[in-house]
Protein backbone atom coordinates (compact mmCIF):
# COMPACT_ATOMS: atom_id res chain seq x y z
CA MET A 1 -150.80 102.88 -68.72
CA VAL A 2 -151.75 100.31 -66.20
CA ILE A 3 -150.90 96.84 -66.37
CA TRP A 4 -151.90 93.46 -64.59
CA ILE A 5 -149.49 90.94 -63.52
CA PRO A 6 -152.02 87.43 -62.85
CA PRO A 7 -151.96 87.07 -58.51
CA SER A 8 -150.48 83.41 -59.54
CA ILE A 9 -147.05 85.43 -60.41
CA HIS A 10 -145.39 85.64 -57.32
CA LEU A 11 -144.13 89.45 -57.15
CA PRO A 12 -142.73 91.13 -53.63
CA PHE A 13 -145.67 93.68 -53.51
CA GLY A 14 -149.59 93.46 -53.22
CA ASN A 15 -151.32 95.33 -55.34
CA HIS A 16 -150.91 93.64 -58.65
CA SER A 17 -151.01 96.47 -60.84
CA MET A 18 -148.77 98.83 -61.64
CA SER A 19 -147.33 101.86 -64.01
CA VAL A 20 -145.94 100.28 -67.05
CA ILE A 21 -142.70 102.73 -65.97
CA ASP A 22 -143.02 101.60 -62.93
CA PHE A 23 -141.99 98.01 -64.31
CA ILE A 24 -139.71 98.37 -66.64
CA TYR A 25 -137.59 100.30 -64.66
CA ARG A 26 -137.75 97.53 -61.34
CA TYR A 27 -137.66 94.42 -63.73
CA PHE A 28 -135.68 95.37 -66.81
CA LEU A 29 -132.83 98.31 -65.81
CA PRO A 30 -131.43 96.32 -62.72
CA ALA A 31 -131.38 93.14 -64.70
CA SER A 32 -129.35 93.86 -68.29
CA GLY A 33 -126.63 95.82 -68.74
CA TRP A 34 -127.48 96.35 -72.32
CA LEU A 35 -130.63 97.54 -72.31
CA SER A 36 -128.48 99.89 -69.31
CA ILE A 37 -126.27 101.13 -71.76
CA LEU A 38 -129.49 102.03 -74.06
CA THR A 39 -131.40 103.96 -71.60
CA ALA A 40 -128.36 106.28 -71.16
CA LEU A 41 -128.07 106.97 -74.73
CA LEU A 42 -131.71 107.77 -74.73
CA PHE A 43 -130.73 109.66 -72.26
CA LYS A 44 -127.45 111.65 -74.01
CA ARG A 45 -130.29 112.31 -77.27
CA ILE A 46 -132.86 113.46 -74.15
CA LYS A 47 -130.59 116.05 -73.04
CA LEU A 48 -129.37 117.01 -76.46
CA PHE A 49 -133.39 117.49 -77.39
CA LEU A 50 -134.10 119.52 -74.14
CA PHE A 51 -130.82 121.81 -75.13
CA GLY A 52 -132.42 122.02 -78.29
CA LEU A 53 -135.82 123.36 -77.40
CA LEU A 54 -134.23 125.23 -75.16
CA CYS A 55 -132.49 127.20 -77.24
CA LEU A 56 -135.89 127.23 -80.03
CA GLN A 57 -138.40 128.13 -76.86
CA PRO A 58 -139.01 131.21 -77.37
CA ILE A 59 -139.51 130.45 -81.30
CA VAL A 60 -141.62 127.68 -80.67
CA VAL A 61 -143.51 129.23 -77.96
CA THR A 62 -144.37 132.45 -80.08
CA LEU A 63 -146.00 130.09 -82.48
CA ALA A 64 -147.94 128.68 -80.07
CA LEU A 65 -149.30 131.55 -78.54
CA SER A 66 -149.30 132.86 -82.48
CA TYR A 67 -152.23 129.96 -83.63
CA LEU A 68 -153.43 129.99 -80.04
CA ILE A 69 -154.62 133.56 -80.03
CA PHE A 70 -155.70 133.36 -84.23
CA GLY A 71 -157.53 130.48 -83.34
CA ILE A 72 -159.85 132.18 -80.54
CA LEU A 73 -160.04 134.89 -82.89
CA GLY A 74 -161.16 132.94 -85.23
CA LEU A 75 -158.46 134.07 -88.01
CA ASP A 76 -155.83 131.95 -90.39
CA ALA A 77 -152.68 132.65 -88.74
CA ARG A 78 -150.82 131.92 -91.82
């Protein structure tokens, strides 16, 4: 997703289209402390989510592969 910034707004880069993530990291995250705190909490939750995903990964991969294989063969995976 790309946002367009009109040329009348003077920004420190020449190209007037950049991704939303670049815009957020460049202009919102350094300027506000509370948003940095929220980002830290979000990253903490992301770490917990990734840890849970790592624990559940064999089950998830097995289910995904079984649905894919049964779907290709035209069988019902349930």
